Amino acid sequence: MARIAILLADGFETIEALAPADVCRRGGQDVALVTVNAEPHVTSAQNVGIDCDATLDTYDFATCDLIVLPGGLPGTTTLRATDRVCELARDFMENRKVGSICAAPSILAELDLLEGRTATCYPGFEGDFPAGVRPEKNGVYRDGNLVTASGPGFAVEFGLALLELLTDKATADGVASGMLTER
């Protein structure tokens, strides 16, 4: 079982955090919602309150396999402004696995972590993407240890791609089938 930390700041996109959490938990993975806030409560961009499993300061990232950066505003801006999130993004891109959706892949671009990769984001957030990185078509893209998605409409598919990255295609397909989702 892999350990996943979904990093949340006030103003995150609800479905982009909760759909991947749901999919990965259905697939038997250990998923923690981890907030950058001092207290474990966080509020989404759609004003949905969530009590997280941990805060950034209390979660043990040493045994974590994957971090997920959901989009949403101002959540993405807050994640980018948090030094520890930037450190984690660098470490996980180099040594482990990263998932990022919507506006959040812009964090990876701003940290110069997308050179030579294939990655997508919500249209309009590709300003710091290196040339040739973002495919023309919106969707979910995997490049080695990195999975990115264009926006909230791809949240379940994004979760399935993360699950496949951590396990295998059969596990992800089984979860998709149980959710009546075609792959």
N, C-alpha and C. Protein backbone atom coordinates (compact mmCIF):
# COMPACT_ATOMS: atom_id res chain seq x y z
N MET A 1 0.84 -1.19 0.00
CA MET A 1 0.00 0.00 0.00
C MET A 1 0.89 1.24 0.00
N ALA A 2 0.61 2.13 -0.94
CA ALA A 2 1.35 3.38 -1.03
C ALA A 2 0.74 4.42 -0.10
N ARG A 3 1.58 5.38 0.30
CA ARG A 3 1.13 6.50 1.12
C ARG A 3 1.09 7.75 0.25
N ILE A 4 -0.05 8.45 0.31
CA ILE A 4 -0.29 9.63 -0.51
C ILE A 4 -0.65 10.79 0.41
N ALA A 5 -0.03 11.95 0.16
CA ALA A 5 -0.39 13.17 0.88
C ALA A 5 -0.95 14.17 -0.13
N ILE A 6 -2.20 14.55 0.06
CA ILE A 6 -2.83 15.57 -0.78
C ILE A 6 -2.73 16.88 -0.02
N LEU A 7 -1.96 17.82 -0.58
CA LEU A 7 -1.65 19.07 0.12
C LEU A 7 -2.74 20.11 -0.15
N LEU A 8 -3.28 20.67 0.93
CA LEU A 8 -4.40 21.59 0.81
C LEU A 8 -4.13 22.93 1.48
N ALA A 9 -4.56 23.98 0.81
CA ALA A 9 -4.56 25.34 1.37
C ALA A 9 -5.95 25.90 1.14
N ASP A 10 -6.36 26.83 1.98
CA ASP A 10 -7.67 27.46 1.79
C ASP A 10 -7.80 27.94 0.35
N GLY A 11 -8.95 27.62 -0.26
CA GLY A 11 -9.18 28.00 -1.64
C GLY A 11 -8.81 26.92 -2.64
N PHE A 12 -8.62 25.68 -2.16
CA PHE A 12 -8.35 24.58 -3.09
C PHE A 12 -9.63 24.21 -3.85
N GLU A 13 -9.48 23.57 -4.98
CA GLU A 13 -10.60 23.11 -5.80
C GLU A 13 -11.10 21.79 -5.21
N THR A 14 -12.32 21.79 -4.68
CA THR A 14 -12.86 20.65 -3.94
C THR A 14 -12.70 19.32 -4.66
N ILE A 15 -13.23 19.23 -5.88
CA ILE A 15 -13.24 17.96 -6.60
C ILE A 15 -11.82 17.48 -6.95
N GLU A 16 -10.91 18.42 -7.14
CA GLU A 16 -9.54 18.06 -7.51
C GLU A 16 -8.77 17.42 -6.36
N ALA A 17 -9.23 17.62 -5.15
CA ALA A 17 -8.62 16.98 -3.98
C ALA A 17 -9.39 15.73 -3.57
N LEU A 18 -10.71 15.84 -3.52
CA LEU A 18 -11.51 14.74 -2.98
C LEU A 18 -11.71 13.59 -3.96
N ALA A 19 -11.83 13.86 -5.25
CA ALA A 19 -11.99 12.76 -6.22
C ALA A 19 -10.75 11.85 -6.23
N PRO A 20 -9.53 12.41 -6.33
CA PRO A 20 -8.36 11.53 -6.27
C PRO A 20 -8.23 10.80 -4.93
N ALA A 21 -8.60 11.47 -3.84
CA ALA A 21 -8.57 10.81 -2.53
C ALA A 21 -9.51 9.62 -2.52
N ASP A 22 -10.72 9.82 -3.02
CA ASP A 22 -11.72 8.76 -3.08
C ASP A 22 -11.24 7.60 -3.94
N VAL A 23 -10.78 7.90 -5.15
CA VAL A 23 -10.34 6.86 -6.08
C VAL A 23 -9.19 6.05 -5.47
N CYS A 24 -8.21 6.74 -4.92
CA CYS A 24 -7.04 6.03 -4.38
C CYS A 24 -7.40 5.22 -3.14
N ARG A 25 -8.30 5.71 -2.32
CA ARG A 25 -8.75 4.91 -1.16
C ARG A 25 -9.52 3.68 -1.62
N ARG A 26 -10.35 3.83 -2.66
CA ARG A 26 -11.05 2.66 -3.22
C ARG A 26 -10.04 1.63 -3.72
N GLY A 27 -8.89 2.10 -4.17
CA GLY A 27 -7.83 1.23 -4.66
C GLY A 27 -6.91 0.71 -3.58
N GLY A 28 -7.28 0.93 -2.31
CA GLY A 28 -6.53 0.37 -1.20
C GLY A 28 -5.31 1.16 -0.76
N GLN A 29 -5.21 2.41 -1.17
CA GLN A 29 -4.05 3.22 -0.80
C GLN A 29 -4.31 4.03 0.46
N ASP A 30 -3.25 4.39 1.15
CA ASP A 30 -3.30 5.20 2.37
C ASP A 30 -3.23 6.67 1.96
N VAL A 31 -4.36 7.36 2.04
CA VAL A 31 -4.43 8.75 1.59
C VAL A 31 -4.64 9.67 2.80
N ALA A 32 -3.81 10.69 2.89
CA ALA A 32 -3.96 11.69 3.95
C ALA A 32 -4.19 13.06 3.32
N LEU A 33 -5.16 13.78 3.84
CA LEU A 33 -5.35 15.18 3.47
C LEU A 33 -4.51 15.99 4.44
N VAL A 34 -3.58 16.76 3.89
CA VAL A 34 -2.59 17.47 4.70
C VAL A 34 -2.68 18.96 4.38
N THR A 35 -2.96 19.78 5.38
CA THR A 35 -3.10 21.21 5.14
C THR A 35 -1.85 21.98 5.53
N VAL A 36 -1.64 23.09 4.82
CA VAL A 36 -0.56 24.00 5.15
C VAL A 36 -0.96 24.93 6.30
N ASN A 37 -2.25 24.91 6.66
CA ASN A 37 -2.73 25.73 7.77
C ASN A 37 -2.16 25.24 9.10
N ALA A 38 -2.12 26.11 10.08
CA ALA A 38 -1.62 25.73 11.41
C ALA A 38 -2.58 24.76 12.10
N GLU A 39 -3.86 24.89 11.83
CA GLU A 39 -4.88 23.98 12.37
C GLU A 39 -5.33 23.05 11.25
N PRO A 40 -5.88 21.88 11.58
CA PRO A 40 -6.20 20.90 10.54
C PRO A 40 -7.44 21.20 9.69
N HIS A 41 -8.10 22.32 9.89
CA HIS A 41 -9.28 22.66 9.09
C HIS A 41 -8.87 23.50 7.88
N VAL A 42 -9.51 23.24 6.75
CA VAL A 42 -9.27 23.98 5.52
C VAL A 42 -10.61 24.16 4.81
N THR A 43 -10.74 25.25 4.04
CA THR A 43 -11.97 25.55 3.33
C THR A 43 -11.68 25.66 1.84
N SER A 44 -12.47 24.97 1.03
CA SER A 44 -12.25 24.96 -0.42
C SER A 44 -12.71 26.26 -1.07
N ALA A 45 -12.40 26.39 -2.34
CA ALA A 45 -12.84 27.55 -3.12
C ALA A 45 -14.36 27.59 -3.24
N GLN A 46 -15.00 26.43 -3.08
CA GLN A 46 -16.46 26.35 -3.14
C GLN A 46 -17.08 26.41 -1.74
N ASN A 47 -16.28 26.83 -0.76
CA ASN A 47 -16.71 27.02 0.63
C ASN A 47 -17.12 25.70 1.31
N VAL A 48 -16.44 24.61 0.95
CA VAL A 48 -16.63 23.32 1.61
C VAL A 48 -15.54 23.18 2.67
N GLY A 49 -15.96 23.02 3.91
CA GLY A 49 -15.00 22.85 5.00
C GLY A 49 -14.56 21.40 5.13
N ILE A 50 -13.28 21.20 5.33
CA ILE A 50 -12.70 19.86 5.47
C ILE A 50 -11.81 19.83 6.71
N ASP A 51 -11.97 18.79 7.51
CA ASP A 51 -11.04 18.55 8.60
C ASP A 51 -9.99 17.58 8.08
N CYS A 52 -8.77 18.04 7.97
CA CYS A 52 -7.69 17.25 7.40
C CYS A 52 -7.15 16.23 8.40
N ASP A 53 -6.41 15.27 7.86
CA ASP A 53 -5.79 14.24 8.68
C ASP A 53 -4.56 14.75 9.41
N ALA A 54 -3.91 15.77 8.86
CA ALA A 54 -2.67 16.29 9.45
C ALA A 54 -2.41 17.69 8.91
N THR A 55 -1.47 18.35 9.55
CA THR A 55 -0.95 19.61 9.03
C THR A 55 0.42 19.33 8.40
N LEU A 56 0.89 20.26 7.65
CA LEU A 56 2.19 20.13 7.00
C LEU A 56 3.29 19.83 8.03
N ASP A 57 3.16 20.44 9.22
CA ASP A 57 4.17 20.27 10.26
C ASP A 57 4.06 18.94 11.00
N THR A 58 2.91 18.27 10.93
CA THR A 58 2.75 17.04 11.70
C THR A 58 2.79 15.77 10.85
N TYR A 59 2.68 15.89 9.54
CA TYR A 59 2.67 14.71 8.67
C TYR A 59 4.09 14.22 8.42
N ASP A 60 4.28 12.90 8.44
CA ASP A 60 5.60 12.31 8.20
C ASP A 60 5.77 12.00 6.71
N PHE A 61 6.48 12.87 6.01
CA PHE A 61 6.69 12.71 4.58
C PHE A 61 7.80 11.69 4.27
N ALA A 62 8.54 11.24 5.27
CA ALA A 62 9.65 10.32 5.04
C ALA A 62 9.19 9.01 4.41
N THR A 63 7.99 8.58 4.75
CA THR A 63 7.49 7.31 4.21
C THR A 63 6.38 7.51 3.19
N CYS A 64 6.25 8.70 2.69
CA CYS A 64 5.22 9.05 1.71
C CYS A 64 5.75 8.76 0.30
N ASP A 65 4.89 8.20 -0.54
CA ASP A 65 5.28 7.84 -1.91
C ASP A 65 4.90 8.89 -2.95
N LEU A 66 3.84 9.66 -2.68
CA LEU A 66 3.28 10.57 -3.67
C LEU A 66 2.69 11.78 -2.97
N ILE A 67 2.98 12.97 -3.52
CA ILE A 67 2.26 14.17 -3.08
C ILE A 67 1.38 14.61 -4.23
N VAL A 68 0.22 15.17 -3.88
CA VAL A 68 -0.73 15.67 -4.86
C VAL A 68 -0.97 17.15 -4.58
N LEU A 69 -0.88 17.94 -5.63
CA LEU A 69 -1.13 19.38 -5.55
C LEU A 69 -2.39 19.70 -6.32
N PRO A 70 -3.53 19.91 -5.62
CA PRO A 70 -4.75 20.31 -6.32
C PRO A 70 -4.69 21.79 -6.67
N GLY A 71 -5.48 22.17 -7.66
CA GLY A 71 -5.55 23.57 -8.05
C GLY A 71 -6.57 24.32 -7.22
N GLY A 72 -7.07 25.38 -7.81
CA GLY A 72 -8.00 26.27 -7.12
C GLY A 72 -7.29 27.53 -6.67
N LEU A 73 -8.08 28.59 -6.52
CA LEU A 73 -7.51 29.86 -6.08
C LEU A 73 -8.28 30.38 -4.88
N PRO A 74 -7.59 30.87 -3.89
CA PRO A 74 -6.15 31.14 -3.86
C PRO A 74 -5.29 29.97 -3.38
N GLY A 75 -5.85 28.76 -3.33
CA GLY A 75 -5.10 27.61 -2.83
C GLY A 75 -3.76 27.40 -3.51
N THR A 76 -3.74 27.47 -4.84
CA THR A 76 -2.50 27.27 -5.58
C THR A 76 -1.47 28.34 -5.19
N THR A 77 -1.92 29.57 -5.09
CA THR A 77 -1.02 30.67 -4.72
C THR A 77 -0.42 30.44 -3.34
N THR A 78 -1.24 29.98 -2.41
CA THR A 78 -0.76 29.72 -1.05
C THR A 78 0.21 28.55 -1.02
N LEU A 79 -0.09 27.47 -1.77
CA LEU A 79 0.85 26.35 -1.83
C LEU A 79 2.20 26.83 -2.36
N ARG A 80 2.18 27.61 -3.43
CA ARG A 80 3.43 28.11 -4.04
C ARG A 80 4.21 28.99 -3.08
N ALA A 81 3.52 29.74 -2.23
CA ALA A 81 4.17 30.65 -1.29
C ALA A 81 4.68 29.94 -0.04
N THR A 82 4.41 28.66 0.09
CA THR A 82 4.82 27.89 1.27
C THR A 82 6.13 27.18 0.97
N ASP A 83 7.21 27.61 1.63
CA ASP A 83 8.54 27.06 1.36
C ASP A 83 8.58 25.54 1.47
N ARG A 84 7.93 24.99 2.49
CA ARG A 84 7.97 23.53 2.69
C ARG A 84 7.32 22.80 1.51
N VAL A 85 6.25 23.34 0.94
CA VAL A 85 5.61 22.73 -0.22
C VAL A 85 6.58 22.74 -1.40
N CYS A 86 7.29 23.83 -1.59
CA CYS A 86 8.27 23.91 -2.69
C CYS A 86 9.40 22.90 -2.49
N GLU A 87 9.87 22.76 -1.25
CA GLU A 87 10.90 21.75 -0.95
C GLU A 87 10.39 20.35 -1.26
N LEU A 88 9.16 20.06 -0.84
CA LEU A 88 8.57 18.75 -1.11
C LEU A 88 8.41 18.51 -2.61
N ALA A 89 7.96 19.51 -3.35
CA ALA A 89 7.80 19.37 -4.79
C ALA A 89 9.14 19.02 -5.45
N ARG A 90 10.19 19.69 -5.06
CA ARG A 90 11.52 19.40 -5.61
C ARG A 90 11.95 17.97 -5.28
N ASP A 91 11.81 17.59 -4.01
CA ASP A 91 12.23 16.27 -3.57
C ASP A 91 11.43 15.17 -4.25
N PHE A 92 10.12 15.31 -4.27
CA PHE A 92 9.27 14.26 -4.83
C PHE A 92 9.42 14.16 -6.35
N MET A 93 9.65 15.27 -7.03
CA MET A 93 9.90 15.21 -8.48
C MET A 93 11.19 14.46 -8.77
N GLU A 94 12.17 14.61 -7.91
CA GLU A 94 13.47 13.97 -8.13
C GLU A 94 13.49 12.52 -7.65
N ASN A 95 12.83 12.23 -6.53
CA ASN A 95 13.01 10.94 -5.87
C ASN A 95 11.77 10.07 -5.73
N ARG A 96 10.58 10.68 -5.90
CA ARG A 96 9.36 9.90 -5.68
C ARG A 96 8.35 10.23 -6.76
N LYS A 97 7.10 10.53 -6.39
CA LYS A 97 6.04 10.76 -7.38
C LYS A 97 5.24 12.01 -7.04
N VAL A 98 4.73 12.68 -8.09
CA VAL A 98 3.97 13.91 -7.93
C VAL A 98 2.73 13.86 -8.83
N GLY A 99 1.60 14.30 -8.28
CA GLY A 99 0.40 14.54 -9.06
C GLY A 99 0.03 16.00 -8.90
N SER A 100 -0.39 16.63 -9.99
CA SER A 100 -0.72 18.05 -9.94
C SER A 100 -1.79 18.34 -10.98
N ILE A 101 -2.80 19.12 -10.60
CA ILE A 101 -3.96 19.34 -11.46
C ILE A 101 -4.36 20.81 -11.49
N CYS A 102 -4.91 21.23 -12.62
CA CYS A 102 -5.50 22.55 -12.82
C CYS A 102 -4.45 23.65 -12.80
N ALA A 103 -4.52 24.57 -11.85
CA ALA A 103 -3.55 25.65 -11.75
C ALA A 103 -2.25 25.21 -11.09
N ALA A 104 -2.30 24.13 -10.31
CA ALA A 104 -1.14 23.72 -9.51
C ALA A 104 0.10 23.31 -10.31
N PRO A 105 -0.01 22.76 -11.52
CA PRO A 105 1.23 22.48 -12.26
C PRO A 105 2.07 23.73 -12.51
N SER A 106 1.45 24.90 -12.42
CA SER A 106 2.22 26.15 -12.56
C SER A 106 3.28 26.27 -11.46
N ILE A 107 3.01 25.66 -10.30
CA ILE A 107 4.00 25.65 -9.22
C ILE A 107 5.25 24.92 -9.69
N LEU A 108 5.06 23.75 -10.29
CA LEU A 108 6.18 22.96 -10.78
C LEU A 108 6.94 23.71 -11.86
N ALA A 109 6.22 24.42 -12.72
CA ALA A 109 6.87 25.22 -13.77
C ALA A 109 7.68 26.35 -13.18
N GLU A 110 7.11 27.05 -12.20
CA GLU A 110 7.82 28.16 -11.56
C GLU A 110 9.07 27.69 -10.83
N LEU A 111 9.07 26.44 -10.38
CA LEU A 111 10.24 25.87 -9.69
C LEU A 111 11.22 25.22 -10.68
N ASP A 112 10.98 25.40 -11.98
CA ASP A 112 11.84 24.84 -13.05
C ASP A 112 11.93 23.32 -12.98
N LEU A 113 10.80 22.66 -12.70
CA LEU A 113 10.79 21.21 -12.57
C LEU A 113 10.18 20.50 -13.78
N LEU A 114 9.80 21.25 -14.82
CA LEU A 114 9.11 20.64 -15.95
C LEU A 114 9.93 20.57 -17.23
N GLU A 115 11.16 21.02 -17.19
CA GLU A 115 12.01 20.99 -18.39
C GLU A 115 12.12 19.56 -18.91
N GLY A 116 11.80 19.38 -20.20
CA GLY A 116 11.91 18.08 -20.84
C GLY A 116 10.79 17.11 -20.50
N ARG A 117 9.76 17.58 -19.80
CA ARG A 117 8.65 16.72 -19.39
C ARG A 117 7.42 17.03 -20.24
N THR A 118 6.42 16.16 -20.14
CA THR A 118 5.09 16.44 -20.68
C THR A 118 4.20 16.72 -19.50
N ALA A 119 3.53 17.86 -19.51
CA ALA A 119 2.65 18.25 -18.40
C ALA A 119 1.59 19.18 -18.93
N THR A 120 0.46 19.21 -18.25
CA THR A 120 -0.63 20.08 -18.64
C THR A 120 -1.07 20.89 -17.43
N CYS A 121 -1.98 21.82 -17.66
CA CYS A 121 -2.54 22.66 -16.60
C CYS A 121 -3.83 23.27 -17.12
N TYR A 122 -4.50 24.01 -16.26
CA TYR A 122 -5.69 24.75 -16.68
C TYR A 122 -5.24 25.82 -17.68
N PRO A 123 -5.95 25.98 -18.80
CA PRO A 123 -5.56 26.98 -19.79
C PRO A 123 -5.40 28.37 -19.15
N GLY A 124 -4.27 28.98 -19.44
CA GLY A 124 -3.95 30.30 -18.90
C GLY A 124 -2.91 30.24 -17.78
N PHE A 125 -2.60 29.05 -17.29
CA PHE A 125 -1.61 28.92 -16.21
C PHE A 125 -0.29 28.35 -16.71
N GLU A 126 -0.11 28.29 -18.02
CA GLU A 126 1.10 27.71 -18.58
C GLU A 126 2.20 28.73 -18.82
N GLY A 127 2.07 29.93 -18.29
CA GLY A 127 3.03 31.01 -18.53
C GLY A 127 4.47 30.66 -18.27
N ASP A 128 4.78 29.90 -17.24
CA ASP A 128 6.16 29.54 -16.92
C ASP A 128 6.54 28.15 -17.43
N PHE A 129 5.65 27.51 -18.17
CA PHE A 129 5.96 26.20 -18.74
C PHE A 129 7.06 26.35 -19.79
N PRO A 130 8.05 25.46 -19.79
CA PRO A 130 9.03 25.50 -20.87
C PRO A 130 8.36 25.21 -22.21
N ALA A 131 8.92 25.70 -23.27
CA ALA A 131 8.36 25.48 -24.61
C ALA A 131 8.22 23.98 -24.88
N GLY A 132 7.09 23.61 -25.48
CA GLY A 132 6.87 22.24 -25.88
C GLY A 132 6.43 21.28 -24.80
N VAL A 133 6.25 21.76 -23.59
CA VAL A 133 5.89 20.88 -22.46
C VAL A 133 4.41 20.56 -22.46
N ARG A 134 3.57 21.57 -22.70
CA ARG A 134 2.11 21.38 -22.57
C ARG A 134 1.49 20.94 -23.89
N PRO A 135 0.85 19.75 -23.89
CA PRO A 135 0.14 19.31 -25.09
C PRO A 135 -1.02 20.24 -25.41
N GLU A 136 -1.42 20.27 -26.67
CA GLU A 136 -2.52 21.14 -27.09
C GLU A 136 -3.85 20.70 -26.50
N LYS A 137 -4.05 19.40 -26.37
CA LYS A 137 -5.33 18.87 -25.91
C LYS A 137 -5.36 18.80 -24.38
N ASN A 138 -6.45 19.28 -23.78
CA ASN A 138 -6.64 19.15 -22.34
C ASN A 138 -6.84 17.67 -22.00
N GLY A 139 -6.47 17.30 -20.78
CA GLY A 139 -6.64 15.91 -20.36
C GLY A 139 -5.76 15.57 -19.19
N VAL A 140 -5.43 14.28 -19.08
CA VAL A 140 -4.55 13.76 -18.03
C VAL A 140 -3.33 13.19 -18.72
N TYR A 141 -2.14 13.55 -18.24
CA TYR A 141 -0.89 13.12 -18.85
C TYR A 141 0.04 12.56 -17.79
N ARG A 142 0.66 11.44 -18.14
CA ARG A 142 1.68 10.84 -17.26
C ARG A 142 3.01 10.90 -17.98
N ASP A 143 4.02 11.34 -17.26
CA ASP A 143 5.39 11.36 -17.76
C ASP A 143 6.28 10.84 -16.63
N GLY A 144 6.58 9.56 -16.67
CA GLY A 144 7.40 8.95 -15.62
C GLY A 144 6.70 9.02 -14.28
N ASN A 145 7.31 9.71 -13.35
CA ASN A 145 6.80 9.82 -11.98
C ASN A 145 5.84 11.00 -11.78
N LEU A 146 5.41 11.63 -12.87
CA LEU A 146 4.57 12.82 -12.81
C LEU A 146 3.25 12.58 -13.54
N VAL A 147 2.15 12.92 -12.85
CA VAL A 147 0.83 12.90 -13.48
C VAL A 147 0.24 14.30 -13.33
N THR A 148 -0.21 14.88 -14.45
CA THR A 148 -0.85 16.19 -14.42
C THR A 148 -2.19 16.11 -15.14
N ALA A 149 -3.07 17.02 -14.78
CA ALA A 149 -4.39 17.09 -15.42
C ALA A 149 -4.79 18.54 -15.59
N SER A 150 -5.64 18.77 -16.59
CA SER A 150 -5.99 20.14 -16.99
C SER A 150 -6.98 20.86 -16.09
N GLY A 151 -7.86 20.13 -15.40
CA GLY A 151 -8.83 20.84 -14.58
C GLY A 151 -9.83 19.93 -13.91
N PRO A 152 -10.83 20.51 -13.25
CA PRO A 152 -11.76 19.75 -12.43
C PRO A 152 -12.54 18.68 -13.17
N GLY A 153 -12.80 18.86 -14.44
CA GLY A 153 -13.53 17.87 -15.22
C GLY A 153 -12.75 16.57 -15.40
N PHE A 154 -11.48 16.59 -15.10
CA PHE A 154 -10.61 15.41 -15.24
C PHE A 154 -10.24 14.82 -13.88
N ALA A 155 -10.89 15.23 -12.80
CA ALA A 155 -10.48 14.83 -11.45
C ALA A 155 -10.54 13.33 -11.21
N VAL A 156 -11.58 12.65 -11.66
CA VAL A 156 -11.67 11.20 -11.45
C VAL A 156 -10.62 10.49 -12.30
N GLU A 157 -10.50 10.88 -13.56
CA GLU A 157 -9.49 10.29 -14.44
C GLU A 157 -8.08 10.53 -13.88
N PHE A 158 -7.85 11.70 -13.32
CA PHE A 158 -6.58 12.04 -12.67
C PHE A 158 -6.34 11.07 -11.51
N GLY A 159 -7.34 10.86 -10.68
CA GLY A 159 -7.21 9.93 -9.57
C GLY A 159 -6.89 8.52 -10.04
N LEU A 160 -7.53 8.09 -11.12
CA LEU A 160 -7.26 6.76 -11.68
C LEU A 160 -5.83 6.66 -12.21
N ALA A 161 -5.34 7.72 -12.83
CA ALA A 161 -3.95 7.73 -13.31
C ALA A 161 -2.96 7.68 -12.16
N LEU A 162 -3.27 8.37 -11.06
CA LEU A 162 -2.41 8.30 -9.88
C LEU A 162 -2.41 6.88 -9.31
N LEU A 163 -3.59 6.28 -9.23
CA LEU A 163 -3.69 4.91 -8.71
C LEU A 163 -2.89 3.96 -9.59
N GLU A 164 -3.00 4.10 -10.90
CA GLU A 164 -2.24 3.24 -11.81
C GLU A 164 -0.74 3.45 -11.64
N LEU A 165 -0.31 4.70 -11.45
CA LEU A 165 1.10 5.01 -11.21
C LEU A 165 1.62 4.26 -9.97
N LEU A 166 0.79 4.19 -8.95
CA LEU A 166 1.20 3.57 -7.69
C LEU A 166 1.03 2.05 -7.65
N THR A 167 0.12 1.53 -8.46
CA THR A 167 -0.18 0.09 -8.42
C THR A 167 0.03 -0.49 -9.81
N ASP A 168 -1.05 -0.67 -10.53
CA ASP A 168 -0.99 -1.19 -11.89
C ASP A 168 -2.29 -0.87 -12.61
N LYS A 169 -2.31 -1.15 -13.91
CA LYS A 169 -3.48 -0.84 -14.73
C LYS A 169 -4.70 -1.64 -14.29
N ALA A 170 -4.50 -2.90 -13.92
CA ALA A 170 -5.63 -3.75 -13.52
C ALA A 170 -6.33 -3.20 -12.28
N THR A 171 -5.57 -2.71 -11.32
CA THR A 171 -6.16 -2.14 -10.11
C THR A 171 -6.96 -0.89 -10.45
N ALA A 172 -6.37 0.00 -11.25
CA ALA A 172 -7.07 1.23 -11.65
C ALA A 172 -8.31 0.91 -12.47
N ASP A 173 -8.20 -0.06 -13.38
CA ASP A 173 -9.35 -0.44 -14.19
C ASP A 173 -10.46 -1.04 -13.33
N GLY A 174 -10.09 -1.81 -12.31
CA GLY A 174 -11.08 -2.38 -11.39
C GLY A 174 -11.84 -1.31 -10.64
N VAL A 175 -11.12 -0.31 -10.15
CA VAL A 175 -11.77 0.80 -9.45
C VAL A 175 -12.66 1.57 -10.42
N ALA A 176 -12.16 1.84 -11.61
CA ALA A 176 -12.95 2.55 -12.61
C ALA A 176 -14.24 1.80 -12.93
N SER A 177 -14.14 0.49 -13.09
CA SER A 177 -15.32 -0.32 -13.39
C SER A 177 -16.33 -0.24 -12.26
N GLY A 178 -15.87 -0.32 -11.04
CA GLY A 178 -16.76 -0.23 -9.88
C GLY A 178 -17.43 1.12 -9.76
N MET A 179 -16.82 2.15 -10.34
CA MET A 179 -17.39 3.50 -10.32
C MET A 179 -18.20 3.78 -11.58
N LEU A 180 -18.32 2.79 -12.46
CA LEU A 180 -19.03 2.92 -13.74
C LEU A 180 -18.37 3.97 -14.63
N THR A 181 -17.04 4.03 -14.55
CA THR A 181 -16.24 4.95 -15.34
C THR A 181 -15.51 4.17 -16.42
N GLU A 182 -15.60 4.64 -17.66
CA GLU A 182 -14.88 3.99 -18.74
C GLU A 182 -13.49 4.56 -18.85
N ARG A 183 -12.53 3.68 -19.15
CA ARG A 183 -11.15 4.11 -19.35
C ARG A 183 -10.70 3.78 -20.73
